[in-house]
């Protein structure tokens, strides 16, 4: 008899519910959200667990690898579908959620979530750290700009990060009070800028040492950040049976509501990883505005911009770029600027 264990995971605790193939509850318990505590609970239960299921969350990676190492079959379910199923329950509690997840696991009405490799999570952590430091530098620069405007000092609208400190100090050197007030803020920004440059160099070196990233960067507009972000998010190109689904996975395809005589296509769904979507949009915009390389993709985007507008054209190019990058990775090919001519 197959037993199914549903886990409702929070940061501090995990609600466990074990049901049999008929849906009868065999065990309900709450334990700390650590792998050893969950394994101890199953061991004390004394019967073999067929499947363990939980919805995707912040601890999914940690618990999946830990429970699989302990010899259990683990299923990570899409959170949106689980939430829709559990919303039919009258009372929202961790115990009821664990019971509902166990029943969903038993019936098989769920979609599997891909658990990324640890290497992909390391890359994502590095990219997130780099972006966080950059945002703090920008926040401090904007703070300094706002403080200086009160005293009639207006900095240039476009000022590179490296030149910002020198221009501000030159503008306030004749005002002793401003020097005493802003010098510590500028010193803190310099420390953050040095850290950002170190992280940025580390990201670029990682991209240059990765064969997949080097292949992806043959596409115009795609740099180290976009290549690493896309590679870490996809993780395994084989998990997509069709390259066309990659754009939909990252929320770059239009929503659609069709019922009876109504059929209303909407804006892009914006589902999935927002960082990947932002990176692809930036790469597409760079291809259309900065890149001097001509390609069939760029020409198509420029024609589309004349009829649909620039913003829609950039989104459309980003959608096609996601498909092309996945195909390049899967087939181990570089970017072709022109489609090969077909002769009769």
Protein backbone atom coordinates (compact mmCIF):
# COMPACT_ATOMS: atom_id res chain seq x y z
CA UNK A 1 0.00 0.00 0.00
CA UNK A 2 1.44 3.33 -1.13
CA UNK A 3 1.59 6.14 1.42
CA UNK A 4 1.74 9.81 0.55
CA UNK A 5 3.20 12.53 2.78
CA UNK A 6 2.16 16.15 2.33
CA UNK A 7 4.36 18.88 3.81
CA UNK A 8 3.25 22.44 4.48
CA UNK A 9 6.55 24.26 4.90
CA UNK A 10 7.17 27.48 6.79
CA UNK A 11 10.47 29.00 7.87
CA UNK A 12 10.39 27.56 11.41
CA UNK A 13 8.17 24.49 11.22
CA UNK A 14 6.70 21.89 8.87
CA UNK A 15 3.20 20.42 9.14
CA UNK A 16 3.20 16.77 8.02
CA UNK A 17 0.19 14.73 6.93
CA UNK A 18 0.49 11.12 5.74
CA UNK A 19 -2.42 9.51 3.88
CA UNK A 20 -2.88 6.11 2.25
CA UNK A 21 -4.09 5.32 -1.29
CA UNK A 22 -7.74 5.73 -0.16
CA UNK A 23 -7.09 9.19 1.30
CA UNK A 24 -7.39 8.11 4.95
CA UNK A 25 -5.15 10.05 7.31
CA UNK A 26 -2.45 7.92 8.95
CA UNK A 27 -0.40 10.61 10.70
CA UNK A 28 -0.54 14.36 11.43
CA UNK A 29 2.37 16.08 13.13
CA UNK A 30 4.34 19.34 13.24
CA UNK A 31 8.15 19.30 13.35
CA UNK A 32 10.96 21.87 12.90
CA UNK A 33 11.79 22.66 9.28
CA UNK A 34 15.05 20.71 9.25
CA UNK A 35 15.80 17.64 7.16
CA UNK A 36 16.88 15.52 10.13
CA UNK A 37 13.67 16.28 12.05
CA UNK A 38 11.47 15.35 9.07
CA UNK A 39 13.43 12.14 8.47
CA UNK A 40 13.16 11.27 12.18
CA UNK A 41 9.38 11.70 12.00
CA UNK A 42 9.12 9.33 9.03
CA UNK A 43 11.43 6.82 10.72
CA UNK A 44 9.36 6.82 13.91
CA UNK A 45 6.21 6.34 11.81
CA UNK A 46 7.61 2.94 10.88
CA UNK A 47 6.12 2.45 7.40
CA UNK A 48 7.63 3.12 3.98
CA UNK A 49 6.62 6.46 2.44
CA UNK A 50 5.91 6.25 -1.27
CA UNK A 51 6.08 9.95 -2.15
CA UNK A 52 6.72 13.21 -0.31
CA UNK A 53 5.17 16.36 -1.77
CA UNK A 54 5.25 20.07 -1.02
CA UNK A 55 4.73 23.31 -2.91
CA UNK A 56 7.62 25.35 -4.26
CA UNK A 57 9.08 27.86 -1.80
CA UNK A 58 12.26 29.27 -0.33
CA UNK A 59 13.20 25.99 1.38
CA UNK A 60 12.33 23.73 -1.57
CA UNK A 61 15.93 23.38 -2.71
CA UNK A 62 17.30 22.55 0.73
CA UNK A 63 14.58 20.04 1.63
CA UNK A 64 14.49 18.36 -1.78
CA UNK A 65 18.19 17.53 -1.85
CA UNK A 66 18.20 16.59 1.82
CA UNK A 67 15.22 14.21 1.60
CA UNK A 68 16.43 12.68 -1.65
CA UNK A 69 19.79 11.99 -0.02
CA UNK A 70 17.88 10.18 2.74
CA UNK A 71 16.33 7.87 0.13
CA UNK A 72 12.85 9.38 -0.33
CA UNK A 73 11.03 10.21 -3.57
CA UNK A 74 10.35 13.95 -3.42
CA UNK A 75 7.86 15.89 -5.54
CA UNK A 76 7.92 19.70 -5.69
CA UNK A 77 4.58 21.09 -6.91
CA UNK A 78 3.77 24.39 -8.59
CA UNK A 79 2.66 26.83 -5.89
CA UNK A 80 0.00 28.53 -8.02
CA UNK A 81 -1.87 25.28 -8.63
CA UNK A 82 -1.59 24.18 -5.01
CA UNK A 83 -2.87 27.56 -3.83
CA UNK A 84 -5.87 27.29 -6.17
CA UNK A 85 -6.72 23.82 -4.83
CA UNK A 86 -6.31 24.78 -1.17
CA UNK A 87 -8.40 27.95 -1.56
CA UNK A 88 -11.52 25.76 -1.64
CA UNK A 89 -10.96 24.77 2.00
CA UNK A 90 -13.02 26.71 4.55
CA UNK A 91 -10.30 27.21 7.18
CA UNK A 92 -6.71 28.13 6.35
CA UNK A 93 -4.33 26.40 8.76
CA UNK A 94 -0.98 24.68 8.37
CA UNK A 95 -2.57 21.38 9.37
CA UNK A 96 -5.31 21.68 6.75
CA UNK A 97 -2.80 22.78 4.11
CA UNK A 98 -0.64 19.71 4.77
CA UNK A 99 -3.76 17.53 4.50
CA UNK A 100 -4.72 19.16 1.20
CA UNK A 101 -1.20 18.82 -0.22
CA UNK A 102 -1.20 15.10 0.66
CA UNK A 103 -4.50 14.64 -1.19
CA UNK A 104 -3.21 16.57 -4.22
CA UNK A 105 -0.13 14.35 -4.25
CA UNK A 106 -2.30 11.22 -4.03
CA UNK A 107 -4.57 12.22 -6.93
CA UNK A 108 -1.72 13.46 -9.15
CA UNK A 109 -3.42 16.78 -9.99
CA UNK A 110 -0.27 18.88 -9.96
CA UNK A 111 2.57 20.12 -12.14
CA UNK A 112 6.16 19.29 -11.27
CA UNK A 113 8.61 22.10 -10.52
CA UNK A 114 12.20 21.71 -11.68
CA UNK A 115 14.68 21.90 -8.81
CA UNK A 116 17.76 23.68 -10.06
CA UNK A 117 21.28 22.47 -9.43
CA UNK A 118 23.39 23.94 -6.65
CA UNK A 119 25.72 25.49 -9.22
CA UNK A 120 22.83 27.47 -10.68
CA UNK A 121 21.89 28.73 -7.23
CA UNK A 122 25.49 29.79 -6.58
CA UNK A 123 25.47 31.80 -9.82
CA UNK A 124 22.11 33.37 -8.95
CA UNK A 125 23.43 34.30 -5.50
CA UNK A 126 26.46 36.01 -7.07
CA UNK A 127 24.29 37.93 -9.53
CA UNK A 128 21.87 38.96 -6.78
CA UNK A 129 24.74 40.17 -4.58
CA UNK A 130 26.19 42.21 -7.44
CA UNK A 131 22.83 43.82 -8.18
CA UNK A 132 22.17 44.59 -4.49
CA UNK A 133 25.51 46.39 -4.12
CA UNK A 134 24.91 48.35 -7.35
CA UNK A 135 21.46 49.43 -6.15
CA UNK A 136 22.93 50.67 -2.86
CA UNK A 137 25.51 52.74 -4.79
CA UNK A 138 22.74 54.28 -6.89
CA UNK A 139 20.66 55.00 -3.78
CA UNK A 140 23.56 56.85 -2.16
CA UNK A 141 24.23 58.81 -5.35
CA UNK A 142 20.59 59.89 -5.53
CA UNK A 143 20.70 60.85 -1.86
CA UNK A 144 23.75 63.05 -2.45
CA UNK A 145 22.13 64.65 -5.50
CA UNK A 146 19.04 65.50 -3.48
CA UNK A 147 21.02 67.01 -0.61
CA UNK A 148 23.12 69.16 -2.92
CA UNK A 149 20.11 70.63 -4.74
CA UNK A 150 19.09 72.38 -1.51
CA UNK A 151 22.34 74.38 -1.72
CA UNK A 152 21.95 75.12 -5.43
CA UNK A 153 24.53 72.55 -6.57
CA UNK A 154 23.29 70.62 -9.60
CA UNK A 155 25.30 67.66 -10.82
CA UNK A 156 25.29 66.50 -14.42
CA UNK A 157 22.31 64.26 -15.27
CA UNK A 158 24.57 61.56 -16.69
CA UNK A 159 27.53 60.91 -14.46
CA UNK A 160 29.49 57.65 -14.44
CA UNK A 161 29.96 55.88 -11.14
CA UNK A 162 33.74 56.35 -11.26
CA UNK A 163 33.54 60.11 -11.83
CA UNK A 164 30.80 60.80 -9.28
CA UNK A 165 33.02 61.10 -6.20
CA UNK A 166 35.49 63.50 -7.80
CA UNK A 167 32.82 65.82 -9.15
CA UNK A 168 30.95 66.00 -5.84
CA UNK A 169 34.08 66.71 -3.82
CA UNK A 170 35.13 69.41 -6.27
CA UNK A 171 31.67 71.02 -6.01
CA UNK A 172 31.65 71.17 -2.19
CA UNK A 173 35.34 71.83 -1.43
CA UNK A 174 34.70 75.51 -0.65
CA UNK A 175 31.92 74.71 1.84
CA UNK A 176 33.36 73.33 5.09
CA UNK A 177 30.01 72.28 6.52
CA UNK A 178 29.09 70.32 3.40
CA UNK A 179 32.50 68.63 3.36
CA UNK A 180 32.08 67.51 6.97
CA UNK A 181 28.53 66.33 6.32
CA UNK A 182 28.93 64.48 3.02
CA UNK A 183 32.48 63.14 3.25
CA UNK A 184 31.44 60.10 5.31
CA UNK A 185 28.59 59.37 2.91
CA UNK A 186 30.96 59.58 -0.05
CA UNK A 187 33.50 57.33 1.71
CA UNK A 188 30.81 54.70 2.31
CA UNK A 189 29.79 54.89 -1.34
CA UNK A 190 33.41 54.36 -2.44
CA UNK A 191 33.59 51.17 -0.36
CA UNK A 192 30.41 49.90 -2.01
CA UNK A 193 31.69 50.87 -5.46
CA UNK A 194 34.94 48.97 -4.88
CA UNK A 195 32.95 45.91 -3.79
CA UNK A 196 30.71 46.20 -6.84
CA UNK A 197 33.69 46.34 -9.20
CA UNK A 198 35.16 43.24 -7.59
CA UNK A 199 31.88 41.35 -7.95
CA UNK A 200 31.41 42.61 -11.51
CA UNK A 201 34.87 41.36 -12.45
CA UNK A 202 34.10 38.00 -10.87
CA UNK A 203 30.89 37.70 -12.89
CA UNK A 204 32.67 38.54 -16.15
CA UNK A 205 35.46 36.05 -15.47
CA UNK A 206 32.89 33.35 -14.71
CA UNK A 207 31.12 34.03 -18.00
CA UNK A 208 34.37 33.95 -19.99
CA UNK A 209 35.30 30.59 -18.46
CA UNK A 210 31.93 28.99 -19.26
CA UNK A 211 31.53 27.48 -22.73
CA UNK A 212 27.73 27.81 -22.70
CA UNK A 213 27.91 31.52 -21.80
CA UNK A 214 30.53 32.17 -24.47
CA UNK A 215 28.23 30.54 -27.02
CA UNK A 216 25.24 32.59 -25.85
CA UNK A 217 27.26 35.81 -26.01
CA UNK A 218 27.74 35.39 -29.77
CA UNK A 219 24.20 36.80 -30.06
CA UNK A 220 24.21 40.62 -30.42
CA UNK A 221 23.19 42.44 -27.26
CA UNK A 222 23.86 39.45 -25.00
CA UNK A 223 26.60 40.15 -22.45
CA UNK A 224 27.97 38.29 -19.42
CA UNK A 225 25.07 39.27 -17.13
CA UNK A 226 22.37 38.16 -19.57
CA UNK A 227 24.20 34.94 -20.44
CA UNK A 228 24.76 33.94 -16.81
CA UNK A 229 21.23 34.92 -15.78
CA UNK A 230 19.68 32.90 -18.61
CA UNK A 231 21.92 29.87 -18.02
CA UNK A 232 21.26 29.81 -14.26
CA UNK A 233 17.49 30.12 -14.77
CA UNK A 234 17.20 27.43 -17.44
CA UNK A 235 19.74 25.16 -15.68
CA UNK A 236 19.00 22.19 -17.94
CA UNK A 237 17.92 22.86 -21.55
CA UNK A 238 16.54 19.32 -21.88
CA UNK A 239 13.70 20.08 -19.44
CA UNK A 240 12.02 22.15 -22.19
CA UNK A 241 10.67 19.88 -24.90
CA UNK A 242 10.24 22.86 -27.22
CA UNK A 243 12.24 26.08 -27.36
CA UNK A 244 9.02 28.01 -27.91
CA UNK A 245 7.93 27.27 -24.34
CA UNK A 246 11.00 29.05 -22.89
CA UNK A 247 9.56 32.48 -23.69
CA UNK A 248 6.26 31.53 -22.04
CA UNK A 249 8.10 30.13 -19.02
CA UNK A 250 9.68 33.54 -18.38
CA UNK A 251 6.45 35.48 -18.92
CA UNK A 252 7.18 36.96 -22.36
CA UNK A 253 4.06 35.68 -24.11
CA UNK A 254 0.65 37.44 -24.03
CA UNK A 255 -2.08 36.45 -21.62
CA UNK A 256 -5.29 35.14 -23.12
CA UNK A 257 -8.85 34.93 -21.83
CA UNK A 258 -11.14 32.86 -24.05
CA UNK A 259 -14.64 31.81 -23.06
CA UNK A 260 -17.53 31.31 -25.47
CA UNK A 261 -17.61 34.22 -27.90
CA UNK A 262 -15.04 36.20 -25.92
CA UNK A 263 -11.39 35.94 -26.92
CA UNK A 264 -9.28 38.70 -25.40
CA UNK A 265 -5.49 38.56 -25.74
CA UNK A 266 -3.74 40.75 -23.22
CA UNK A 267 -0.28 41.95 -22.32
CA UNK A 268 2.59 39.62 -21.51
CA UNK A 269 1.94 37.39 -18.52
CA UNK A 270 5.09 38.39 -16.60
CA UNK A 271 5.18 34.93 -15.08
CA UNK A 272 8.38 33.24 -13.99
CA UNK A 273 11.73 34.80 -13.16
CA UNK A 274 11.62 38.61 -13.38
CA UNK A 275 15.42 38.87 -13.50
CA UNK A 276 15.60 36.76 -16.67
CA UNK A 277 12.81 38.77 -18.25
CA UNK A 278 14.62 42.02 -17.43
CA UNK A 279 17.93 40.69 -18.76
CA UNK A 280 16.36 39.56 -22.04
CA UNK A 281 14.58 42.92 -22.44
CA UNK A 282 17.87 44.76 -21.86
CA UNK A 283 19.66 42.54 -24.38
CA UNK A 284 16.92 43.07 -26.98
CA UNK A 285 16.98 46.83 -26.44
CA UNK A 286 20.78 46.86 -26.76
CA UNK A 287 20.54 44.85 -29.98
CA UNK A 288 18.11 47.31 -31.54
CA UNK A 289 19.70 50.57 -30.35
CA UNK A 290 23.42 50.02 -29.71
CA UNK A 291 24.60 47.00 -31.64
CA UNK A 292 26.08 47.78 -35.06
CA UNK A 293 25.84 44.14 -36.14
CA UNK A 294 23.09 43.53 -38.65
CA UNK A 295 20.96 40.41 -38.32
CA UNK A 296 17.61 39.11 -39.46
CA UNK A 297 16.33 39.33 -35.87
CA UNK A 298 17.29 42.98 -35.57
CA UNK A 299 15.83 43.83 -38.99
CA UNK A 300 12.56 42.14 -38.00
CA UNK A 301 12.46 44.11 -34.76
CA UNK A 302 13.10 47.42 -36.53
CA UNK A 303 10.28 46.74 -39.00
CA UNK A 304 7.97 45.84 -36.12
CA UNK A 305 8.88 49.06 -34.28
CA UNK A 306 7.58 51.14 -37.18
CA UNK A 307 4.12 49.57 -37.01
CA UNK A 308 3.67 48.53 -33.35
CA UNK A 309 5.91 50.95 -31.49
CA UNK A 310 9.40 50.60 -30.07
CA UNK A 311 8.45 49.12 -26.68
CA UNK A 312 6.32 46.35 -28.14
CA UNK A 313 9.03 45.60 -30.66
CA UNK A 314 11.68 45.22 -27.95
CA UNK A 315 9.43 42.81 -26.01
CA UNK A 316 8.84 40.79 -29.18
CA UNK A 317 12.59 40.64 -29.90
CA UNK A 318 13.23 39.57 -26.29
CA UNK A 319 10.67 36.78 -26.72
CA UNK A 320 12.38 35.53 -29.88
CA UNK A 321 15.79 35.95 -28.29
CA UNK A 322 14.81 33.59 -25.45
CA UNK A 323 13.82 30.94 -27.99
CA UNK A 324 17.03 31.42 -29.99
CA UNK A 325 19.31 31.27 -26.95
CA UNK A 326 17.74 28.01 -25.81
CA UNK A 327 18.08 26.53 -29.30
CA UNK A 328 21.73 27.62 -29.46
CA UNK A 329 22.38 25.94 -26.11
CA UNK A 330 20.52 22.74 -26.97
CA UNK A 331 22.14 22.36 -30.40
CA UNK A 332 25.56 23.71 -29.32
CA UNK A 333 25.63 26.27 -32.12
CA UNK A 334 26.52 29.95 -32.29
CA UNK A 335 24.28 32.82 -33.38
CA UNK A 336 23.64 33.12 -37.11
CA UNK A 337 23.11 36.69 -38.27
CA UNK A 338 21.12 35.54 -41.30
CA UNK A 339 18.87 32.59 -41.96
CA UNK A 340 20.41 30.15 -44.45
CA UNK A 341 18.97 30.49 -47.92
CA UNK A 342 16.94 27.58 -49.18
CA UNK A 343 17.45 26.74 -52.83
CA UNK A 344 14.98 24.79 -54.89
